[in-house]
Amino acid sequence: MNARAPQNEREHWHLSKSFNITQILAIFAQTVALIWFVLELRNDVDNNAMELIRQETRIETVEDIVQNQSVLLARIDENLKAIRDAIERNQE
């Protein structure tokens, strides 16, 4: 063990006189900047959440349209088959 350890234990923590107002202001400015950053980050997260909801709504709409077009395409395909069969029967 270090011989200084008992002496260090007896010393209480204190603010050094070399700790000046500039350092206090710098810490305060950094704290304000951190709070500002966190608030901006939270705002961005909220905006992204709203945009995500909007995009999900658009995707659901597009999926519905694609489903309807798929049904229409299947109907057109069936109609073409029926027309082709009718033409083939008339040619015989």
C-alpha atoms as a PDB file:
ATOM      1  CA  MET A   1       0.000   0.000   0.000  1.00  0.00           C
ATOM      2  CA  ASN A   2       0.995   3.537  -0.479  1.00  0.00           C
ATOM      3  CA  ALA A   3       2.064   5.469   2.575  1.00  0.00           C
ATOM      4  CA  ARG A   4      -0.007   8.433   1.426  1.00  0.00           C
ATOM      5  CA  ALA A   5      -3.327   6.541   1.455  1.00  0.00           C
ATOM      6  CA  PRO A   6      -4.194   7.266   5.109  1.00  0.00           C
ATOM      7  CA  GLN A   7      -3.399  10.941   4.575  1.00  0.00           C
ATOM      8  CA  ASN A   8      -5.650  11.060   1.480  1.00  0.00           C
ATOM      9  CA  GLU A   9      -8.481   9.437   3.426  1.00  0.00           C
ATOM     10  CA  ARG A  10      -8.300  12.178   6.039  1.00  0.00           C
ATOM     11  CA  GLU A  11      -8.532  14.925   3.449  1.00  0.00           C
ATOM     12  CA  HIS A  12     -12.028  15.957   2.509  1.00  0.00           C
ATOM     13  CA  TRP A  13     -13.029  16.861  -0.993  1.00  0.00           C
ATOM     14  CA  HIS A  14     -13.111  20.579  -1.618  1.00  0.00           C
ATOM     15  CA  LEU A  15     -13.296  22.972  -4.516  1.00  0.00           C
ATOM     16  CA  SER A  16      -9.878  24.193  -5.450  1.00  0.00           C
ATOM     17  CA  LYS A  17      -9.309  27.919  -5.565  1.00  0.00           C
ATOM     18  CA  SER A  18      -7.897  27.431  -9.031  1.00  0.00           C
ATOM     19  CA  PHE A  19     -11.403  26.482 -10.211  1.00  0.00           C
ATOM     20  CA  ASN A  20     -12.461  29.798 -11.748  1.00  0.00           C
ATOM     21  CA  ILE A  21     -15.664  31.260 -13.122  1.00  0.00           C
ATOM     22  CA  THR A  22     -14.664  30.448 -16.715  1.00  0.00           C
ATOM     23  CA  GLN A  23     -14.706  26.743 -15.958  1.00  0.00           C
ATOM     24  CA  ILE A  24     -18.085  27.055 -14.270  1.00  0.00           C
ATOM     25  CA  LEU A  25     -19.474  28.937 -17.275  1.00  0.00           C
ATOM     26  CA  ALA A  26     -18.011  26.344 -19.650  1.00  0.00           C
ATOM     27  CA  ILE A  27     -19.701  23.515 -17.737  1.00  0.00           C
ATOM     28  CA  PHE A  28     -22.960  25.475 -17.672  1.00  0.00           C
ATOM     29  CA  ALA A  29     -22.735  26.118 -21.438  1.00  0.00           C
ATOM     30  CA  GLN A  30     -22.064  22.443 -22.089  1.00  0.00           C
ATOM     31  CA  THR A  31     -25.038  21.484 -19.927  1.00  0.00           C
ATOM     32  CA  VAL A  32     -27.296  23.894 -21.824  1.00  0.00           C
ATOM     33  CA  ALA A  33     -25.976  22.568 -25.145  1.00  0.00           C
ATOM     34  CA  LEU A  34     -26.606  18.982 -24.036  1.00  0.00           C
ATOM     35  CA  ILE A  35     -30.166  19.786 -22.979  1.00  0.00           C
ATOM     36  CA  TRP A  36     -30.773  21.580 -26.267  1.00  0.00           C
ATOM     37  CA  PHE A  37     -29.361  18.605 -28.207  1.00  0.00           C
ATOM     38  CA  VAL A  38     -31.578  16.149 -26.323  1.00  0.00           C
ATOM     39  CA  LEU A  39     -34.662  18.290 -26.942  1.00  0.00           C
ATOM     40  CA  GLU A  40     -33.856  18.555 -30.662  1.00  0.00           C
ATOM     41  CA  LEU A  41     -33.259  14.813 -30.786  1.00  0.00           C
ATOM     42  CA  ARG A  42     -36.615  14.171 -29.119  1.00  0.00           C
ATOM     43  CA  ASN A  43     -38.304  16.507 -31.596  1.00  0.00           C
ATOM     44  CA  ASP A  44     -36.684  14.642 -34.504  1.00  0.00           C
ATOM     45  CA  VAL A  45     -37.852  11.316 -33.070  1.00  0.00           C
ATOM     46  CA  ASP A  46     -41.408  12.635 -32.749  1.00  0.00           C
ATOM     47  CA  ASN A  47     -41.331  13.965 -36.323  1.00  0.00           C
ATOM     48  CA  ASN A  48     -40.022  10.642 -37.603  1.00  0.00           C
ATOM     49  CA  ALA A  49     -42.766   8.792 -35.727  1.00  0.00           C
ATOM     50  CA  MET A  50     -45.435  10.978 -37.364  1.00  0.00           C
ATOM     51  CA  GLU A  51     -43.806  10.515 -40.773  1.00  0.00           C
ATOM     52  CA  LEU A  52     -43.691   6.763 -40.207  1.00  0.00           C
ATOM     53  CA  ILE A  53     -47.421   6.710 -39.474  1.00  0.00           C
ATOM     54  CA  ARG A  54     -48.065   8.722 -42.631  1.00  0.00           C
ATOM     55  CA  GLN A  55     -45.921   6.357 -44.696  1.00  0.00           C
ATOM     56  CA  GLU A  56     -47.659   3.309 -43.229  1.00  0.00           C
ATOM     57  CA  THR A  57     -51.011   4.814 -44.236  1.00  0.00           C
ATOM     58  CA  ARG A  58     -49.731   5.407 -47.760  1.00  0.00           C
ATOM     59  CA  ILE A  59     -48.376   1.858 -47.968  1.00  0.00           C
ATOM     60  CA  GLU A  60     -51.732   0.434 -46.875  1.00  0.00           C
ATOM     61  CA  THR A  61     -53.462   2.510 -49.553  1.00  0.00           C
ATOM     62  CA  VAL A  62     -51.033   1.323 -52.224  1.00  0.00           C
ATOM     63  CA  GLU A  63     -51.471  -2.287 -51.085  1.00  0.00           C
ATOM     64  CA  ASP A  64     -55.242  -1.920 -51.421  1.00  0.00           C
ATOM     65  CA  ILE A  65     -54.854  -0.479 -54.913  1.00  0.00           C
ATOM     66  CA  VAL A  66     -52.489  -3.293 -55.929  1.00  0.00           C
ATOM     67  CA  GLN A  67     -54.930  -5.886 -54.579  1.00  0.00           C
ATOM     68  CA  ASN A  68     -57.791  -4.316 -56.559  1.00  0.00           C
ATOM     69  CA  GLN A  69     -55.671  -4.231 -59.701  1.00  0.00           C
ATOM     70  CA  SER A  70     -54.734  -7.855 -59.176  1.00  0.00           C
ATOM     71  CA  VAL A  71     -58.409  -8.815 -59.000  1.00  0.00           C
ATOM     72  CA  LEU A  72     -59.164  -6.762 -62.107  1.00  0.00           C
ATOM     73  CA  LEU A  73     -56.249  -8.345 -63.956  1.00  0.00           C
ATOM     74  CA  ALA A  74     -57.513 -11.811 -63.031  1.00  0.00           C
ATOM     75  CA  ARG A  75     -60.973 -10.878 -64.350  1.00  0.00           C
ATOM     76  CA  ILE A  76     -59.493  -9.568 -67.589  1.00  0.00           C
ATOM     77  CA  ASP A  77     -57.479 -12.774 -67.931  1.00  0.00           C
ATOM     78  CA  GLU A  78     -60.619 -14.883 -67.445  1.00  0.00           C
ATOM     79  CA  ASN A  79     -62.515 -12.759 -69.968  1.00  0.00           C
ATOM     80  CA  LEU A  80     -59.709 -13.182 -72.512  1.00  0.00           C
ATOM     81  CA  LYS A  81     -59.758 -16.951 -71.996  1.00  0.00           C
ATOM     82  CA  ALA A  82     -63.517 -16.990 -72.496  1.00  0.00           C
ATOM     83  CA  ILE A  83     -63.228 -14.894 -75.675  1.00  0.00           C
ATOM     84  CA  ARG A  84     -60.412 -17.135 -76.972  1.00  0.00           C
ATOM     85  CA  ASP A  85     -62.495 -20.256 -76.278  1.00  0.00           C
ATOM     86  CA  ALA A  86     -65.501 -18.688 -78.012  1.00  0.00           C
ATOM     87  CA  ILE A  87     -63.407 -17.802 -81.076  1.00  0.00           C
ATOM     88  CA  GLU A  88     -61.936 -21.311 -81.207  1.00  0.00           C
ATOM     89  CA  ARG A  89     -65.430 -22.870 -81.026  1.00  0.00           C
ATOM     90  CA  ASN A  90     -66.666 -20.603 -83.842  1.00  0.00           C
ATOM     91  CA  GLN A  91     -63.697 -21.566 -86.011  1.00  0.00           C
ATOM     92  CA  GLU A  92     -64.450 -25.289 -85.662  1.00  0.00           C
END
